[in-house]
Amino acid sequence: MAKKSSIEKNKRRERLVKQYAGKRARLKAVANDQSRSPEEQFEARLKLAELPRNSNPTRVRNRCEVTGRPRAFYRKLKMSRIALRELGSQGLVPGLVKSSW
């Protein structure tokens, strides 16, 4: 099990990303628009830099929903390989048959 603080920090980042998504998208569109003047583009980049660092989507870490493990994460199932193996052995994942011999 991952540290509770790491899991909560990641949840806080997810909330910030959702909160600032619209504003960040608008500023990025202005900053990357070649038809705008260089001054406008530069101003948009400065405003983008003023946004909270954790509002950037790249700062969010994919973590297992069950254990909080940050590595060996399956996006489709939103869990780690270890949690998937355990739940599969118990028969809790539909369509998954874990072989054992």
C-alpha atoms as a PDB file:
ATOM      1  CA  MET A   1       0.000   0.000   0.000  1.00  0.00           C
ATOM      2  CA  ALA A   2       1.328   3.408  -0.960  1.00  0.00           C
ATOM      3  CA  LYS A   3       1.657   6.215   1.563  1.00  0.00           C
ATOM      4  CA  LYS A   4      -1.626   8.014   2.183  1.00  0.00           C
ATOM      5  CA  SER A   5       0.084  11.364   1.663  1.00  0.00           C
ATOM      6  CA  SER A   6       1.200  10.383  -1.855  1.00  0.00           C
ATOM      7  CA  ILE A   7      -2.291   9.237  -2.780  1.00  0.00           C
ATOM      8  CA  GLU A   8      -3.880  12.416  -1.399  1.00  0.00           C
ATOM      9  CA  LYS A   9      -1.294  14.630  -3.130  1.00  0.00           C
ATOM     10  CA  ASN A  10      -2.146  12.969  -6.434  1.00  0.00           C
ATOM     11  CA  LYS A  11      -5.895  13.450  -5.824  1.00  0.00           C
ATOM     12  CA  ARG A  12      -5.269  17.136  -5.091  1.00  0.00           C
ATOM     13  CA  ARG A  13      -3.365  17.419  -8.373  1.00  0.00           C
ATOM     14  CA  GLU A  14      -6.260  15.783 -10.244  1.00  0.00           C
ATOM     15  CA  ARG A  15      -8.684  18.330  -8.768  1.00  0.00           C
ATOM     16  CA  LEU A  16      -6.405  21.233  -9.773  1.00  0.00           C
ATOM     17  CA  VAL A  17      -6.054  19.881 -13.309  1.00  0.00           C
ATOM     18  CA  LYS A  18      -9.826  19.705 -13.651  1.00  0.00           C
ATOM     19  CA  GLN A  19     -10.291  23.181 -12.138  1.00  0.00           C
ATOM     20  CA  TYR A  20      -7.782  24.934 -14.433  1.00  0.00           C
ATOM     21  CA  ALA A  21      -8.312  22.849 -17.609  1.00  0.00           C
ATOM     22  CA  GLY A  22     -10.414  25.454 -19.430  1.00  0.00           C
ATOM     23  CA  LYS A  23      -8.220  28.419 -18.552  1.00  0.00           C
ATOM     24  CA  ARG A  24      -5.057  26.499 -19.431  1.00  0.00           C
ATOM     25  CA  ALA A  25      -6.510  25.416 -22.802  1.00  0.00           C
ATOM     26  CA  ARG A  26      -7.504  28.993 -23.701  1.00  0.00           C
ATOM     27  CA  LEU A  27      -4.080  30.390 -22.791  1.00  0.00           C
ATOM     28  CA  LYS A  28      -2.271  27.641 -24.698  1.00  0.00           C
ATOM     29  CA  ALA A  29      -4.424  28.313 -27.764  1.00  0.00           C
ATOM     30  CA  VAL A  30      -3.488  32.002 -27.669  1.00  0.00           C
ATOM     31  CA  ALA A  31       0.190  31.251 -27.003  1.00  0.00           C
ATOM     32  CA  ASN A  32       0.434  28.834 -29.935  1.00  0.00           C
ATOM     33  CA  ASP A  33      -1.657  30.897 -32.387  1.00  0.00           C
ATOM     34  CA  GLN A  34       0.723  32.183 -35.069  1.00  0.00           C
ATOM     35  CA  SER A  35      -1.822  34.737 -36.331  1.00  0.00           C
ATOM     36  CA  ARG A  36      -1.607  36.667 -33.034  1.00  0.00           C
ATOM     37  CA  SER A  37       1.066  39.248 -32.354  1.00  0.00           C
ATOM     38  CA  PRO A  38       4.231  38.110 -30.553  1.00  0.00           C
ATOM     39  CA  GLU A  39       3.354  40.395 -27.628  1.00  0.00           C
ATOM     40  CA  GLU A  40      -0.015  38.684 -27.151  1.00  0.00           C
ATOM     41  CA  GLN A  41       1.597  35.259 -27.365  1.00  0.00           C
ATOM     42  CA  PHE A  42       4.248  36.229 -24.826  1.00  0.00           C
ATOM     43  CA  GLU A  43       1.629  37.650 -22.460  1.00  0.00           C
ATOM     44  CA  ALA A  44      -0.371  34.407 -22.693  1.00  0.00           C
ATOM     45  CA  ARG A  45       2.766  32.409 -21.880  1.00  0.00           C
ATOM     46  CA  LEU A  46       3.423  34.590 -18.828  1.00  0.00           C
ATOM     47  CA  LYS A  47      -0.146  34.042 -17.603  1.00  0.00           C
ATOM     48  CA  LEU A  48       0.249  30.315 -18.239  1.00  0.00           C
ATOM     49  CA  ALA A  49       3.400  30.324 -16.101  1.00  0.00           C
ATOM     50  CA  GLU A  50       1.481  32.009 -13.259  1.00  0.00           C
ATOM     51  CA  LEU A  51      -0.971  29.110 -12.991  1.00  0.00           C
ATOM     52  CA  PRO A  52      -0.278  26.588 -10.210  1.00  0.00           C
ATOM     53  CA  ARG A  53       2.379  24.081 -11.159  1.00  0.00           C
ATOM     54  CA  ASN A  54       0.208  21.159 -10.090  1.00  0.00           C
ATOM     55  CA  SER A  55      -2.551  22.226 -12.478  1.00  0.00           C
ATOM     56  CA  ASN A  56      -0.478  20.816 -15.342  1.00  0.00           C
ATOM     57  CA  PRO A  57      -1.867  17.413 -16.444  1.00  0.00           C
ATOM     58  CA  THR A  58       1.611  15.909 -16.773  1.00  0.00           C
ATOM     59  CA  ARG A  59       2.083  16.144 -13.010  1.00  0.00           C
ATOM     60  CA  VAL A  60      -0.714  13.655 -12.302  1.00  0.00           C
ATOM     61  CA  ARG A  61       0.576  10.136 -11.699  1.00  0.00           C
ATOM     62  CA  ASN A  62      -1.428   7.080 -12.721  1.00  0.00           C
ATOM     63  CA  ARG A  63      -2.012   5.113  -9.545  1.00  0.00           C
ATOM     64  CA  CYS A  64      -3.776   1.868  -8.740  1.00  0.00           C
ATOM     65  CA  GLU A  65      -7.325   2.464  -7.456  1.00  0.00           C
ATOM     66  CA  VAL A  66      -6.994  -0.455  -5.024  1.00  0.00           C
ATOM     67  CA  THR A  67      -3.512  -0.065  -3.551  1.00  0.00           C
ATOM     68  CA  GLY A  68      -2.206   3.299  -4.761  1.00  0.00           C
ATOM     69  CA  ARG A  69       0.812   1.667  -6.387  1.00  0.00           C
ATOM     70  CA  PRO A  70       2.371   4.057  -8.958  1.00  0.00           C
ATOM     71  CA  ARG A  71       4.086   1.472 -11.162  1.00  0.00           C
ATOM     72  CA  ALA A  72       2.927  -1.437 -13.344  1.00  0.00           C
ATOM     73  CA  PHE A  73      -0.401   0.311 -13.895  1.00  0.00           C
ATOM     74  CA  TYR A  74      -2.980  -0.941 -16.412  1.00  0.00           C
ATOM     75  CA  ARG A  75      -4.894   2.074 -17.728  1.00  0.00           C
ATOM     76  CA  LYS A  76      -7.865   0.070 -18.959  1.00  0.00           C
ATOM     77  CA  LEU A  77      -8.472  -1.472 -15.531  1.00  0.00           C
ATOM     78  CA  LYS A  78      -7.068   1.391 -13.419  1.00  0.00           C
ATOM     79  CA  MET A  79      -5.149  -1.006 -11.206  1.00  0.00           C
ATOM     80  CA  SER A  80      -1.675  -2.421 -10.814  1.00  0.00           C
ATOM     81  CA  ARG A  81      -0.568  -5.858 -11.948  1.00  0.00           C
ATOM     82  CA  ILE A  82      -0.366  -7.092  -8.370  1.00  0.00           C
ATOM     83  CA  ALA A  83      -3.898  -6.003  -7.458  1.00  0.00           C
ATOM     84  CA  LEU A  84      -5.156  -7.466 -10.746  1.00  0.00           C
ATOM     85  CA  ARG A  85      -3.530 -10.800  -9.955  1.00  0.00           C
ATOM     86  CA  GLU A  86      -4.998 -10.939  -6.472  1.00  0.00           C
ATOM     87  CA  LEU A  87      -8.513  -9.974  -7.568  1.00  0.00           C
ATOM     88  CA  GLY A  88      -8.279 -12.333 -10.537  1.00  0.00           C
ATOM     89  CA  SER A  89      -7.349 -15.221  -8.261  1.00  0.00           C
ATOM     90  CA  GLN A  90     -10.414 -14.481  -6.125  1.00  0.00           C
ATOM     91  CA  GLY A  91     -12.616 -14.360  -9.232  1.00  0.00           C
ATOM     92  CA  LEU A  92     -13.600 -10.706  -8.751  1.00  0.00           C
ATOM     93  CA  VAL A  93     -12.551  -9.466 -12.203  1.00  0.00           C
ATOM     94  CA  PRO A  94     -15.149 -10.404 -14.835  1.00  0.00           C
ATOM     95  CA  GLY A  95     -13.724 -12.195 -17.855  1.00  0.00           C
ATOM     96  CA  LEU A  96     -10.343 -12.833 -16.255  1.00  0.00           C
ATOM     97  CA  VAL A  97      -9.247 -16.413 -15.668  1.00  0.00           C
ATOM     98  CA  LYS A  98      -5.951 -16.794 -13.879  1.00  0.00           C
ATOM     99  CA  SER A  99      -4.238 -20.058 -14.547  1.00  0.00           C
ATOM    100  CA  SER A 100      -2.464 -21.908 -11.765  1.00  0.00           C
ATOM    101  CA  TRP A 101      -0.817 -25.312 -11.845  1.00  0.00           C
END
